[in-house]
Amino acid sequence: MPYSKVIEQFKAAFQQAYRQVVDADAQLDQLQKEGHGKFDTIFNQDQGFTTKANRFMPYLEEVVGDFDNFEASPSDEKLPALVAKLEQLLATLAQFKGSLKQ
């Protein structure tokens, strides 16, 4: 199975996610300055990430690292976990953005 379309879609998603992550991390920095956002990690250990951080960028870096491994050696076995992590990251970013509008 050719993965060129899949790789293109991941790269586009990473560009979108990067902008969202930068904005979200800036908002988290502001909330922390205001005395809010007292948490240790964004994702629980059972959500598929090995990273433990209180900002989004380290999680995006983990997903991009997983993608680099996939791109170097594409396989159907690596794809589901990679997709799941990216979906989890994007969904959490959307929830965070939505929670700020309320």
PDB file of N, CA and C in Angstrom:
ATOM      1  N   MET A   1       0.844  -1.191   0.000  1.00  0.00           N
ATOM      2  CA  MET A   1       0.000   0.000   0.000  1.00  0.00           C
ATOM      3  C   MET A   1       0.884   1.248   0.000  1.00  0.00           C
ATOM      4  N   PRO A   2       0.696   2.137  -0.943  1.00  0.00           N
ATOM      5  CA  PRO A   2       1.493   3.365  -0.950  1.00  0.00           C
ATOM      6  C   PRO A   2       1.022   4.311   0.158  1.00  0.00           C
ATOM      7  N   TYR A   3       1.956   4.866   0.850  1.00  0.00           N
ATOM      8  CA  TYR A   3       1.649   5.726   1.991  1.00  0.00           C
ATOM      9  C   TYR A   3       1.820   7.209   1.683  1.00  0.00           C
ATOM     10  N   SER A   4       2.055   7.580   0.435  1.00  0.00           N
ATOM     11  CA  SER A   4       2.342   8.977   0.119  1.00  0.00           C
ATOM     12  C   SER A   4       1.186   9.906   0.512  1.00  0.00           C
ATOM     13  N   LYS A   5      -0.052   9.506   0.265  1.00  0.00           N
ATOM     14  CA  LYS A   5      -1.209  10.338   0.646  1.00  0.00           C
ATOM     15  C   LYS A   5      -1.327  10.440   2.166  1.00  0.00           C
ATOM     16  N   VAL A   6      -1.093   9.340   2.842  1.00  0.00           N
ATOM     17  CA  VAL A   6      -1.160   9.324   4.309  1.00  0.00           C
ATOM     18  C   VAL A   6      -0.102  10.255   4.883  1.00  0.00           C
ATOM     19  N   ILE A   7       1.085  10.193   4.338  1.00  0.00           N
ATOM     20  CA  ILE A   7       2.185  11.035   4.816  1.00  0.00           C
ATOM     21  C   ILE A   7       1.861  12.506   4.576  1.00  0.00           C
ATOM     22  N   GLU A   8       1.318  12.826   3.413  1.00  0.00           N
ATOM     23  CA  GLU A   8       0.916  14.209   3.123  1.00  0.00           C
ATOM     24  C   GLU A   8      -0.136  14.696   4.113  1.00  0.00           C
ATOM     25  N   GLN A   9      -1.109  13.840   4.421  1.00  0.00           N
ATOM     26  CA  GLN A   9      -2.171  14.220   5.362  1.00  0.00           C
ATOM     27  C   GLN A   9      -1.615  14.445   6.765  1.00  0.00           C
ATOM     28  N   PHE A  10      -0.687  13.603   7.180  1.00  0.00           N
ATOM     29  CA  PHE A  10      -0.063  13.807   8.493  1.00  0.00           C
ATOM     30  C   PHE A  10       0.687  15.129   8.537  1.00  0.00           C
ATOM     31  N   LYS A  11       1.437  15.423   7.500  1.00  0.00           N
ATOM     32  CA  LYS A  11       2.206  16.675   7.483  1.00  0.00           C
ATOM     33  C   LYS A  11       1.284  17.889   7.542  1.00  0.00           C
ATOM     34  N   ALA A  12       0.172  17.845   6.839  1.00  0.00           N
ATOM     35  CA  ALA A  12      -0.800  18.942   6.890  1.00  0.00           C
ATOM     36  C   ALA A  12      -1.401  19.060   8.286  1.00  0.00           C
ATOM     37  N   ALA A  13      -1.707  17.915   8.889  1.00  0.00           N
ATOM     38  CA  ALA A  13      -2.267  17.922  10.246  1.00  0.00           C
ATOM     39  C   ALA A  13      -1.257  18.473  11.243  1.00  0.00           C
ATOM     40  N   PHE A  14       0.016  18.152  11.051  1.00  0.00           N
ATOM     41  CA  PHE A  14       1.050  18.661  11.965  1.00  0.00           C
ATOM     42  C   PHE A  14       1.192  20.169  11.860  1.00  0.00           C
ATOM     43  N   GLN A  15       1.066  20.715  10.647  1.00  0.00           N
ATOM     44  CA  GLN A  15       1.132  22.167  10.491  1.00  0.00           C
ATOM     45  C   GLN A  15      -0.015  22.839  11.239  1.00  0.00           C
ATOM     46  N   GLN A  16      -1.200  22.281  11.091  1.00  0.00           N
ATOM     47  CA  GLN A  16      -2.372  22.809  11.790  1.00  0.00           C
ATOM     48  C   GLN A  16      -2.193  22.656  13.305  1.00  0.00           C
ATOM     49  N   ALA A  17      -1.759  21.496  13.733  1.00  0.00           N
ATOM     50  CA  ALA A  17      -1.591  21.223  15.157  1.00  0.00           C
ATOM     51  C   ALA A  17      -0.529  22.129  15.759  1.00  0.00           C
ATOM     52  N   TYR A  18       0.541  22.386  15.028  1.00  0.00           N
ATOM     53  CA  TYR A  18       1.614  23.232  15.554  1.00  0.00           C
ATOM     54  C   TYR A  18       1.084  24.616  15.919  1.00  0.00           C
ATOM     55  N   ARG A  19       0.316  25.209  15.022  1.00  0.00           N
ATOM     56  CA  ARG A  19      -0.237  26.546  15.304  1.00  0.00           C
ATOM     57  C   ARG A  19      -1.153  26.502  16.535  1.00  0.00           C
ATOM     58  N   GLN A  20      -1.968  25.465  16.621  1.00  0.00           N
ATOM     59  CA  GLN A  20      -2.867  25.327  17.767  1.00  0.00           C
ATOM     60  C   GLN A  20      -2.087  25.114  19.066  1.00  0.00           C
ATOM     61  N   VAL A  21      -1.033  24.334  18.997  1.00  0.00           N
ATOM     62  CA  VAL A  21      -0.220  24.045  20.179  1.00  0.00           C
ATOM     63  C   VAL A  21       0.471  25.314  20.681  1.00  0.00           C
ATOM     64  N   VAL A  22       1.017  26.090  19.766  1.00  0.00           N
ATOM     65  CA  VAL A  22       1.678  27.340  20.166  1.00  0.00           C
ATOM     66  C   VAL A  22       0.683  28.259  20.873  1.00  0.00           C
ATOM     67  N   ASP A  23      -0.509  28.400  20.299  1.00  0.00           N
ATOM     68  CA  ASP A  23      -1.541  29.245  20.911  1.00  0.00           C
ATOM     69  C   ASP A  23      -1.976  28.691  22.272  1.00  0.00           C
ATOM     70  N   ALA A  24      -2.212  27.392  22.333  1.00  0.00           N
ATOM     71  CA  ALA A  24      -2.674  26.771  23.583  1.00  0.00           C
ATOM     72  C   ALA A  24      -1.615  26.896  24.676  1.00  0.00           C
ATOM     73  N   ASP A  25      -0.361  26.672  24.331  1.00  0.00           N
ATOM     74  CA  ASP A  25       0.693  26.786  25.341  1.00  0.00           C
ATOM     75  C   ASP A  25       0.840  28.218  25.835  1.00  0.00           C
ATOM     76  N   ALA A  26       0.662  29.187  24.951  1.00  0.00           N
ATOM     77  CA  ALA A  26       0.694  30.596  25.364  1.00  0.00           C
ATOM     78  C   ALA A  26      -0.465  30.893  26.320  1.00  0.00           C
ATOM     79  N   GLN A  27      -1.633  30.337  26.024  1.00  0.00           N
ATOM     80  CA  GLN A  27      -2.784  30.538  26.906  1.00  0.00           C
ATOM     81  C   GLN A  27      -2.563  29.855  28.251  1.00  0.00           C
ATOM     82  N   LEU A  28      -1.954  28.682  28.226  1.00  0.00           N
ATOM     83  CA  LEU A  28      -1.636  27.990  29.490  1.00  0.00           C
ATOM     84  C   LEU A  28      -0.634  28.797  30.311  1.00  0.00           C
ATOM     85  N   ASP A  29       0.342  29.395  29.648  1.00  0.00           N
ATOM     86  CA  ASP A  29       1.306  30.243  30.350  1.00  0.00           C
ATOM     87  C   ASP A  29       0.596  31.408  31.029  1.00  0.00           C
ATOM     88  N   GLN A  30      -0.337  32.037  30.307  1.00  0.00           N
ATOM     89  CA  GLN A  30      -1.089  33.163  30.863  1.00  0.00           C
ATOM     90  C   GLN A  30      -1.957  32.712  32.045  1.00  0.00           C
ATOM     91  N   LEU A  31      -2.635  31.593  31.894  1.00  0.00           N
ATOM     92  CA  LEU A  31      -3.461  31.079  32.987  1.00  0.00           C
ATOM     93  C   LEU A  31      -2.617  30.782  34.227  1.00  0.00           C
ATOM     94  N   GLN A  32      -1.436  30.228  33.999  1.00  0.00           N
ATOM     95  CA  GLN A  32      -0.574  29.918  35.140  1.00  0.00           C
ATOM     96  C   GLN A  32      -0.110  31.198  35.833  1.00  0.00           C
ATOM     97  N   LYS A  33       0.181  32.238  35.068  1.00  0.00           N
ATOM     98  CA  LYS A  33       0.570  33.524  35.651  1.00  0.00           C
ATOM     99  C   LYS A  33      -0.549  34.100  36.512  1.00  0.00           C
ATOM    100  N   GLU A  34      -1.792  33.789  36.118  1.00  0.00           N
ATOM    101  CA  GLU A  34      -2.961  34.273  36.856  1.00  0.00           C
ATOM    102  C   GLU A  34      -3.322  33.367  38.026  1.00  0.00           C
ATOM    103  N   GLY A  35      -2.527  32.328  38.243  1.00  0.00           N
ATOM    104  CA  GLY A  35      -2.765  31.432  39.373  1.00  0.00           C
ATOM    105  C   GLY A  35      -3.639  30.239  39.067  1.00  0.00           C
ATOM    106  N   HIS A  36      -3.915  30.008  37.790  1.00  0.00           N
ATOM    107  CA  HIS A  36      -4.734  28.862  37.381  1.00  0.00           C
ATOM    108  C   HIS A  36      -3.835  27.809  36.739  1.00  0.00           C
ATOM    109  N   GLY A  37      -4.423  26.726  36.315  1.00  0.00           N
ATOM    110  CA  GLY A  37      -3.675  25.713  35.578  1.00  0.00           C
ATOM    111  C   GLY A  37      -2.656  24.969  36.413  1.00  0.00           C
ATOM    112  N   LYS A  38      -3.069  24.574  37.598  1.00  0.00           N
ATOM    113  CA  LYS A  38      -2.149  23.850  38.484  1.00  0.00           C
ATOM    114  C   LYS A  38      -2.322  22.353  38.281  1.00  0.00           C
ATOM    115  N   PHE A  39      -1.640  21.836  37.267  1.00  0.00           N
ATOM    116  CA  PHE A  39      -1.700  20.415  36.950  1.00  0.00           C
ATOM    117  C   PHE A  39      -0.321  19.984  36.477  1.00  0.00           C
ATOM    118  N   ASP A  40      -0.066  18.689  36.543  1.00  0.00           N
ATOM    119  CA  ASP A  40       1.252  18.171  36.188  1.00  0.00           C
ATOM    120  C   ASP A  40       1.333  17.687  34.740  1.00  0.00           C
ATOM    121  N   THR A  41       0.270  17.072  34.263  1.00  0.00           N
ATOM    122  CA  THR A  41       0.288  16.533  32.905  1.00  0.00           C
ATOM    123  C   THR A  41      -1.037  16.822  32.210  1.00  0.00           C
ATOM    124  N   ILE A  42      -0.985  16.869  30.897  1.00  0.00           N
ATOM    125  CA  ILE A  42      -2.195  17.068  30.107  1.00  0.00           C
ATOM    126  C   ILE A  42      -2.892  15.741  29.876  1.00  0.00           C
ATOM    127  N   PHE A  43      -2.101  14.707  29.568  1.00  0.00           N
ATOM    128  CA  PHE A  43      -2.658  13.384  29.296  1.00  0.00           C
ATOM    129  C   PHE A  43      -2.291  12.415  30.416  1.00  0.00           C
ATOM    130  N   ASN A  44      -3.224  11.522  30.732  1.00  0.00           N
ATOM    131  CA  ASN A  44      -2.956  10.450  31.683  1.00  0.00           C
ATOM    132  C   ASN A  44      -2.071   9.407  31.022  1.00  0.00           C
ATOM    133  N   GLN A  45      -1.446   8.595  31.834  1.00  0.00           N
ATOM    134  CA  GLN A  45      -0.549   7.566  31.332  1.00  0.00           C
ATOM    135  C   GLN A  45      -1.266   6.563  30.427  1.00  0.00           C
ATOM    136  N   ASP A  46      -2.547   6.334  30.665  1.00  0.00           N
ATOM    137  CA  ASP A  46      -3.289   5.338  29.882  1.00  0.00           C
ATOM    138  C   ASP A  46      -3.826   5.888  28.548  1.00  0.00           C
ATOM    139  N   GLN A  47      -3.461   7.110  28.180  1.00  0.00           N
ATOM    140  CA  GLN A  47      -3.953   7.699  26.937  1.00  0.00           C
ATOM    141  C   GLN A  47      -2.984   7.511  25.767  1.00  0.00           C
ATOM    142  N   GLY A  48      -1.945   6.707  25.959  1.00  0.00           N
ATOM    143  CA  GLY A  48      -1.060   6.345  24.861  1.00  0.00           C
ATOM    144  C   GLY A  48       0.234   7.124  24.748  1.00  0.00           C
ATOM    145  N   PHE A  49       0.381   8.176  25.512  1.00  0.00           N
ATOM    146  CA  PHE A  49       1.595   8.985  25.431  1.00  0.00           C
ATOM    147  C   PHE A  49       2.607   8.544  26.491  1.00  0.00           C
ATOM    148  N   THR A  50       3.880   8.621  26.139  1.00  0.00           N
ATOM    149  CA  THR A  50       4.932   8.373  27.131  1.00  0.00           C
ATOM    150  C   THR A  50       5.396   9.685  27.749  1.00  0.00           C
ATOM    151  N   THR A  51       5.138  10.781  27.057  1.00  0.00           N
ATOM    152  CA  THR A  51       5.509  12.109  27.539  1.00  0.00           C
ATOM    153  C   THR A  51       4.655  12.482  28.747  1.00  0.00           C
ATOM    154  N   LYS A  52       5.266  13.192  29.678  1.00  0.00           N
ATOM    155  CA  LYS A  52       4.556  13.746  30.828  1.00  0.00           C
ATOM    156  C   LYS A  52       4.909  15.221  30.899  1.00  0.00           C
ATOM    157  N   ALA A  53       3.945  16.073  30.522  1.00  0.00           N
ATOM    158  CA  ALA A  53       4.204  17.511  30.474  1.00  0.00           C
ATOM    159  C   ALA A  53       2.934  18.284  30.761  1.00  0.00           C
ATOM    160  N   ASN A  54       3.113  19.528  31.189  1.00  0.00           N
ATOM    161  CA  ASN A  54       1.957  20.381  31.448  1.00  0.00           C
ATOM    162  C   ASN A  54       1.745  21.405  30.327  1.00  0.00           C
ATOM    163  N   ARG A  55       2.352  21.141  29.184  1.00  0.00           N
ATOM    164  CA  ARG A  55       2.155  21.922  27.967  1.00  0.00           C
ATOM    165  C   ARG A  55       1.946  20.956  26.809  1.00  0.00           C
ATOM    166  N   PHE A  56       1.391  21.449  25.724  1.00  0.00           N
ATOM    167  CA  PHE A  56       1.063  20.605  24.576  1.00  0.00           C
ATOM    168  C   PHE A  56       2.260  20.287  23.675  1.00  0.00           C
ATOM    169  N   MET A  57       3.230  21.191  23.578  1.00  0.00           N
ATOM    170  CA  MET A  57       4.324  21.017  22.626  1.00  0.00           C
ATOM    171  C   MET A  57       5.086  19.690  22.807  1.00  0.00           C
ATOM    172  N   PRO A  58       5.413  19.278  24.027  1.00  0.00           N
ATOM    173  CA  PRO A  58       6.110  17.993  24.162  1.00  0.00           C
ATOM    174  C   PRO A  58       5.300  16.808  23.625  1.00  0.00           C
ATOM    175  N   TYR A  59       3.996  16.876  23.721  1.00  0.00           N
ATOM    176  CA  TYR A  59       3.151  15.809  23.178  1.00  0.00           C
ATOM    177  C   TYR A  59       3.166  15.828  21.651  1.00  0.00           C
ATOM    178  N   LEU A  60       3.119  17.022  21.070  1.00  0.00           N
ATOM    179  CA  LEU A  60       3.215  17.121  19.617  1.00  0.00           C
ATOM    180  C   LEU A  60       4.567  16.591  19.151  1.00  0.00           C
ATOM    181  N   GLU A  61       5.621  16.910  19.877  1.00  0.00           N
ATOM    182  CA  GLU A  61       6.951  16.416  19.526  1.00  0.00           C
ATOM    183  C   GLU A  61       7.001  14.886  19.574  1.00  0.00           C
ATOM    184  N   GLU A  62       6.313  14.291  20.545  1.00  0.00           N
ATOM    185  CA  GLU A  62       6.256  12.827  20.614  1.00  0.00           C
ATOM    186  C   GLU A  62       5.549  12.253  19.390  1.00  0.00           C
ATOM    187  N   VAL A  63       4.428  12.846  19.007  1.00  0.00           N
ATOM    188  CA  VAL A  63       3.685  12.356  17.842  1.00  0.00           C
ATOM    189  C   VAL A  63       4.525  12.517  16.572  1.00  0.00           C
ATOM    190  N   VAL A  64       5.200  13.643  16.441  1.00  0.00           N
ATOM    191  CA  VAL A  64       6.045  13.863  15.266  1.00  0.00           C
ATOM    192  C   VAL A  64       7.195  12.845  15.247  1.00  0.00           C
ATOM    193  N   GLY A  65       7.751  12.529  16.406  1.00  0.00           N
ATOM    194  CA  GLY A  65       8.789  11.504  16.481  1.00  0.00           C
ATOM    195  C   GLY A  65       8.266  10.142  16.048  1.00  0.00           C
ATOM    196  N   ASP A  66       7.063   9.812  16.486  1.00  0.00           N
ATOM    197  CA  ASP A  66       6.431   8.558  16.059  1.00  0.00           C
ATOM    198  C   ASP A  66       6.202   8.564  14.544  1.00  0.00           C
ATOM    199  N   PHE A  67       5.796   9.715  14.029  1.00  0.00           N
ATOM    200  CA  PHE A  67       5.588   9.841  12.583  1.00  0.00           C
ATOM    201  C   PHE A  67       6.900   9.659  11.827  1.00  0.00           C
ATOM    202  N   ASP A  68       7.977  10.250  12.343  1.00  0.00           N
ATOM    203  CA  ASP A  68       9.281  10.096  11.691  1.00  0.00           C
ATOM    204  C   ASP A  68       9.668   8.614  11.603  1.00  0.00           C
ATOM    205  N   ASN A  69       9.399   7.867  12.672  1.00  0.00           N
ATOM    206  CA  ASN A  69       9.663   6.426  12.652  1.00  0.00           C
ATOM    207  C   ASN A  69       8.787   5.732  11.617  1.00  0.00           C
ATOM    208  N   PHE A  70       7.539   6.137  11.541  1.00  0.00           N
ATOM    209  CA  PHE A  70       6.618   5.560  10.553  1.00  0.00           C
ATOM    210  C   PHE A  70       7.083   5.885   9.134  1.00  0.00           C
ATOM    211  N   GLU A  71       7.437   7.134   8.918  1.00  0.00           N
ATOM    212  CA  GLU A  71       7.850   7.570   7.573  1.00  0.00           C
ATOM    213  C   GLU A  71       9.121   6.848   7.124  1.00  0.00           C
ATOM    214  N   ALA A  72      10.029   6.591   8.059  1.00  0.00           N
ATOM    215  CA  ALA A  72      11.267   5.888   7.732  1.00  0.00           C
ATOM    216  C   ALA A  72      11.007   4.433   7.368  1.00  0.00           C
ATOM    217  N   SER A  73       9.994   3.865   7.991  1.00  0.00           N
ATOM    218  CA  SER A  73       9.680   2.448   7.758  1.00  0.00           C
ATOM    219  C   SER A  73       8.174   2.247   7.875  1.00  0.00           C
ATOM    220  N   PRO A  74       7.419   2.656   6.841  1.00  0.00           N
ATOM    221  CA  PRO A  74       5.958   2.576   6.903  1.00  0.00           C
ATOM    222  C   PRO A  74       5.452   1.144   7.067  1.00  0.00           C
ATOM    223  N   SER A  75       4.458   0.997   7.937  1.00  0.00           N
ATOM    224  CA  SER A  75       3.815  -0.308   8.092  1.00  0.00           C
ATOM    225  C   SER A  75       2.422  -0.119   8.653  1.00  0.00           C
ATOM    226  N   ASP A  76       1.560  -1.063   8.336  1.00  0.00           N
ATOM    227  CA  ASP A  76       0.191  -1.014   8.832  1.00  0.00           C
ATOM    228  C   ASP A  76       0.131  -1.157  10.351  1.00  0.00           C
ATOM    229  N   GLU A  77       1.137  -1.780  10.955  1.00  0.00           N
ATOM    230  CA  GLU A  77       1.133  -1.990  12.406  1.00  0.00           C
ATOM    231  C   GLU A  77       1.349  -0.682  13.170  1.00  0.00           C
ATOM    232  N   LYS A  78       2.143   0.222  12.626  1.00  0.00           N
ATOM    233  CA  LYS A  78       2.469   1.483  13.318  1.00  0.00           C
ATOM    234  C   LYS A  78       1.360   2.526  13.180  1.00  0.00           C
ATOM    235  N   LEU A  79       0.583   2.423  12.138  1.00  0.00           N
ATOM    236  CA  LEU A  79      -0.381   3.466  11.796  1.00  0.00           C
ATOM    237  C   LEU A  79      -1.484   3.687  12.829  1.00  0.00           C
ATOM    238  N   PRO A  80      -2.136   2.649  13.364  1.00  0.00           N
ATOM    239  CA  PRO A  80      -3.237   2.906  14.309  1.00  0.00           C
ATOM    240  C   PRO A  80      -2.825   3.688  15.552  1.00  0.00           C
ATOM    241  N   ALA A  81      -1.686   3.357  16.136  1.00  0.00           N
ATOM    242  CA  ALA A  81      -1.238   4.074  17.342  1.00  0.00           C
ATOM    243  C   ALA A  81      -0.909   5.520  17.017  1.00  0.00           C
ATOM    244  N   LEU A  82      -0.308   5.748  15.877  1.00  0.00           N
ATOM    245  CA  LEU A  82       0.036   7.099  15.456  1.00  0.00           C
ATOM    246  C   LEU A  82      -1.221   7.937  15.237  1.00  0.00           C
ATOM    247  N   VAL A  83      -2.181   7.375  14.549  1.00  0.00           N
ATOM    248  CA  VAL A  83      -3.451   8.075  14.302  1.00  0.00           C
ATOM    249  C   VAL A  83      -4.164   8.361  15.630  1.00  0.00           C
ATOM    250  N   ALA A  84      -4.170   7.391  16.527  1.00  0.00           N
ATOM    251  CA  ALA A  84      -4.845   7.565  17.816  1.00  0.00           C
ATOM    252  C   ALA A  84      -4.225   8.706  18.617  1.00  0.00           C
ATOM    253  N   LYS A  85      -2.899   8.776  18.637  1.00  0.00           N
ATOM    254  CA  LYS A  85      -2.232   9.861  19.379  1.00  0.00           C
ATOM    255  C   LYS A  85      -2.547  11.217  18.769  1.00  0.00           C
ATOM    256  N   LEU A  86      -2.490  11.301  17.454  1.00  0.00           N
ATOM    257  CA  LEU A  86      -2.772  12.581  16.806  1.00  0.00           C
ATOM    258  C   LEU A  86      -4.217  12.999  17.041  1.00  0.00           C
ATOM    259  N   GLU A  87      -5.139  12.063  16.930  1.00  0.00           N
ATOM    260  CA  GLU A  87      -6.554  12.374  17.192  1.00  0.00           C
ATOM    261  C   GLU A  87      -6.752  12.836  18.629  1.00  0.00           C
ATOM    262  N   GLN A  88      -6.116  12.169  19.568  1.00  0.00           N
ATOM    263  CA  GLN A  88      -6.232  12.529  20.981  1.00  0.00           C
ATOM    264  C   GLN A  88      -5.697  13.941  21.213  1.00  0.00           C
ATOM    265  N   LEU A  89      -4.569  14.244  20.615  1.00  0.00           N
ATOM    266  CA  LEU A  89      -3.976  15.569  20.762  1.00  0.00           C
ATOM    267  C   LEU A  89      -4.880  16.643  20.172  1.00  0.00           C
ATOM    268  N   LEU A  90      -5.364  16.429  18.957  1.00  0.00           N
ATOM    269  CA  LEU A  90      -6.218  17.428  18.309  1.00  0.00           C
ATOM    270  C   LEU A  90      -7.545  17.603  19.045  1.00  0.00           C
ATOM    271  N   ALA A  91      -8.116  16.513  19.519  1.00  0.00           N
ATOM    272  CA  ALA A  91      -9.380  16.599  20.268  1.00  0.00           C
ATOM    273  C   ALA A  91      -9.192  17.367  21.569  1.00  0.00           C
ATOM    274  N   THR A  92      -8.095  17.121  22.255  1.00  0.00           N
ATOM    275  CA  THR A  92      -7.837  17.807  23.517  1.00  0.00           C
ATOM    276  C   THR A  92      -7.570  19.290  23.280  1.00  0.00           C
ATOM    277  N   LEU A  93      -6.861  19.603  22.214  1.00  0.00           N
ATOM    278  CA  LEU A  93      -6.648  21.013  21.868  1.00  0.00           C
ATOM    279  C   LEU A  93      -7.982  21.707  21.593  1.00  0.00           C
ATOM    280  N   ALA A  94      -8.873  21.050  20.871  1.00  0.00           N
ATOM    281  CA  ALA A  94     -10.189  21.625  20.573  1.00  0.00           C
ATOM    282  C   ALA A  94     -11.002  21.821  21.854  1.00  0.00           C
ATOM    283  N   GLN A  95     -10.955  20.841  22.752  1.00  0.00           N
ATOM    284  CA  GLN A  95     -11.678  20.964  24.027  1.00  0.00           C
ATOM    285  C   GLN A  95     -11.120  22.125  24.844  1.00  0.00           C
ATOM    286  N   PHE A  96      -9.807  22.258  24.864  1.00  0.00           N
ATOM    287  CA  PHE A  96      -9.171  23.341  25.612  1.00  0.00           C
ATOM    288  C   PHE A  96      -9.591  24.688  25.042  1.00  0.00           C
ATOM    289  N   LYS A  97      -9.526  24.820  23.728  1.00  0.00           N
ATOM    290  CA  LYS A  97      -9.932  26.059  23.082  1.00  0.00           C
ATOM    291  C   LYS A  97     -11.388  26.381  23.376  1.00  0.00           C
ATOM    292  N   GLY A  98     -12.234  25.351  23.319  1.00  0.00           N
ATOM    293  CA  GLY A  98     -13.657  25.543  23.613  1.00  0.00           C
ATOM    294  C   GLY A  98     -13.906  25.950  25.045  1.00  0.00           C
ATOM    295  N   SER A  99     -13.128  25.415  25.959  1.00  0.00           N
ATOM    296  CA  SER A  99     -13.315  25.745  27.380  1.00  0.00           C
ATOM    297  C   SER A  99     -12.926  27.195  27.674  1.00  0.00           C
ATOM    298  N   LEU A 100     -12.053  27.760  26.884  1.00  0.00           N
ATOM    299  CA  LEU A 100     -11.655  29.153  27.099  1.00  0.00           C
ATOM    300  C   LEU A 100     -12.708  30.135  26.637  1.00  0.00           C
ATOM    301  N   LYS A 101     -13.559  29.720  25.713  1.00  0.00           N
ATOM    302  CA  LYS A 101     -14.613  30.599  25.194  1.00  0.00           C
ATOM    303  C   LYS A 101     -15.791  30.712  26.139  1.00  0.00           C
ATOM    304  N   GLN A 102     -15.897  29.798  27.077  1.00  0.00           N
ATOM    305  CA  GLN A 102     -17.060  29.792  27.980  1.00  0.00           C
ATOM    306  C   GLN A 102     -16.927  30.792  29.070  1.00  0.00           C
TER     307      GLN A 102
END
